[in-house]
């Protein structure tokens, strides 16, 4: 499209429904956080976090379920973002289910500031 190149990427989730597309978009934004143009990783995390605050409890459960199919870096980011959600949405069982899918010794190098992602070291994000 003009000077813009569009590439289609295969999702890690095999079967999705129409209402799940916005959840997959959030996961894909986190997946390509290092390659995003015209915005910083901090801006992406803030934007995804704001959209996660608007999710219903059911959508958040589906989001975490989908996140488990993604690479560990995405799961670590999702877990950290879930911890920072308002108390009405924060579900310790969901957060712990993401944490158990991660190897505690693996570190993910992401240029995200400590003010944006609280408790990022607990999730292996350096």
Protein backbone atom coordinates (compact mmCIF):
# COMPACT_ATOMS: atom_id res chain seq x y z
CA UNK A 1 0.00 0.00 0.00
CA UNK A 2 2.09 2.91 -1.24
CA UNK A 3 5.30 2.95 0.77
CA UNK A 4 3.73 0.93 3.56
CA UNK A 5 4.40 -2.81 3.57
CA UNK A 6 1.78 -5.03 5.12
CA UNK A 7 2.67 -8.53 6.26
CA UNK A 8 0.24 -11.07 7.57
CA UNK A 9 1.36 -13.01 10.61
CA UNK A 10 0.05 -16.30 11.87
CA UNK A 11 -1.55 -16.13 15.29
CA UNK A 12 -0.58 -18.55 18.03
CA UNK A 13 -4.27 -19.18 18.73
CA UNK A 14 -5.76 -21.70 16.34
CA UNK A 15 -9.47 -21.05 16.74
CA UNK A 16 -10.78 -17.58 17.45
CA UNK A 17 -14.21 -16.04 17.29
CA UNK A 18 -15.19 -12.57 16.13
CA UNK A 19 -15.28 -11.13 19.66
CA UNK A 20 -11.78 -12.48 20.38
CA UNK A 21 -10.06 -10.42 17.69
CA UNK A 22 -9.45 -7.43 19.97
CA UNK A 23 -7.81 -9.72 22.55
CA UNK A 24 -5.53 -11.23 19.91
CA UNK A 25 -4.61 -7.71 18.75
CA UNK A 26 -3.41 -6.87 22.27
CA UNK A 27 -1.29 -10.02 22.40
CA UNK A 28 0.18 -9.33 18.98
CA UNK A 29 1.06 -5.78 20.04
CA UNK A 30 3.01 -7.22 22.97
CA UNK A 31 4.56 -9.89 20.77
CA UNK A 32 6.02 -7.31 18.38
CA UNK A 33 6.86 -4.72 21.05
CA UNK A 34 10.52 -4.55 19.98
CA UNK A 35 9.71 -4.10 16.27
CA UNK A 36 7.00 -1.46 16.53
CA UNK A 37 7.61 1.71 14.59
CA UNK A 38 6.66 5.24 15.60
CA UNK A 39 6.17 4.34 19.27
CA UNK A 40 8.26 3.17 22.19
CA UNK A 41 7.78 -0.03 24.19
CA UNK A 42 6.65 2.15 27.13
CA UNK A 43 3.87 3.65 24.99
CA UNK A 44 2.76 0.20 23.84
CA UNK A 45 2.60 -1.14 27.40
CA UNK A 46 0.59 1.88 28.55
CA UNK A 47 -1.85 1.55 25.64
CA UNK A 48 -2.32 -2.20 26.14
CA UNK A 49 -2.75 -1.68 29.89
CA UNK A 50 -5.48 0.92 29.33
CA UNK A 51 -7.33 -1.40 26.95
CA UNK A 52 -7.02 -4.26 29.45
CA UNK A 53 -8.71 -2.10 32.10
CA UNK A 54 -11.79 -1.94 29.87
CA UNK A 55 -12.06 -5.74 29.57
CA UNK A 56 -14.80 -7.64 31.33
CA UNK A 57 -13.93 -10.47 33.69
CA UNK A 58 -14.87 -13.03 31.01
CA UNK A 59 -12.72 -11.28 28.40
CA UNK A 60 -9.80 -11.15 30.81
CA UNK A 61 -10.05 -14.90 31.38
CA UNK A 62 -10.02 -15.50 27.62
CA UNK A 63 -7.11 -13.08 27.26
CA UNK A 64 -5.04 -15.05 29.78
CA UNK A 65 -6.08 -18.32 28.14
CA UNK A 66 -4.87 -17.03 24.76
CA UNK A 67 -1.68 -15.61 26.29
CA UNK A 68 -0.65 -19.08 27.41
CA UNK A 69 -0.25 -20.05 23.74
CA UNK A 70 2.17 -17.15 23.12
CA UNK A 71 5.96 -17.02 23.71
CA UNK A 72 7.22 -16.60 27.29
CA UNK A 73 8.08 -12.91 26.87
CA UNK A 74 4.44 -12.15 26.01
CA UNK A 75 3.21 -14.22 28.95
CA UNK A 76 5.56 -12.33 31.30
CA UNK A 77 4.27 -8.98 30.02
CA UNK A 78 0.65 -10.12 30.32
CA UNK A 79 1.18 -11.34 33.86
CA UNK A 80 2.81 -8.11 34.89
CA UNK A 81 0.03 -6.07 33.29
CA UNK A 82 -2.61 -8.23 34.99
CA UNK A 83 -1.02 -7.46 38.35
CA UNK A 84 -1.45 -3.75 37.74
CA UNK A 85 -5.15 -3.98 36.85
CA UNK A 86 -7.78 -2.45 39.13
CA UNK A 87 -8.77 -4.70 42.02
CA UNK A 88 -12.16 -5.50 40.48
CA UNK A 89 -10.37 -7.25 37.59
CA UNK A 90 -7.24 -8.56 39.24
CA UNK A 91 -7.62 -12.30 39.72
CA UNK A 92 -4.69 -13.90 41.62
CA UNK A 93 -5.53 -17.33 40.20
CA UNK A 94 -5.22 -16.06 36.62
CA UNK A 95 -1.97 -14.27 37.41
CA UNK A 96 -0.51 -17.35 39.05
CA UNK A 97 -1.58 -19.52 36.13
CA UNK A 98 0.53 -17.31 33.85
CA UNK A 99 3.46 -17.30 36.28
CA UNK A 100 3.57 -21.10 36.40
CA UNK A 101 4.09 -21.26 32.63
CA UNK A 102 7.36 -19.32 32.93
CA UNK A 103 10.81 -20.55 33.84
CA UNK A 104 11.93 -18.45 36.82
CA UNK A 105 15.55 -18.25 35.60
CA UNK A 106 14.79 -16.81 32.16
CA UNK A 107 15.22 -13.07 31.68
CA UNK A 108 13.57 -10.95 28.99
CA UNK A 109 15.44 -7.84 27.85
CA UNK A 110 12.86 -5.18 27.19
CA UNK A 111 13.51 -1.43 27.32
CA UNK A 112 10.53 -0.66 29.54
CA UNK A 113 10.90 1.71 32.47
CA UNK A 114 10.23 0.70 36.06
CA UNK A 115 7.61 3.46 36.36
CA UNK A 116 5.54 1.90 33.57
CA UNK A 117 5.87 -1.74 34.62
CA UNK A 118 5.82 -2.15 38.36
CA UNK A 119 7.35 -5.35 39.74
CA UNK A 120 8.91 -6.19 36.38
CA UNK A 121 11.89 -7.99 37.94
CA UNK A 122 9.54 -10.54 39.53
CA UNK A 123 8.44 -11.47 36.02
CA UNK A 124 12.00 -11.70 34.68
CA UNK A 125 11.81 -8.49 32.66
CA UNK A 126 15.09 -6.58 32.76
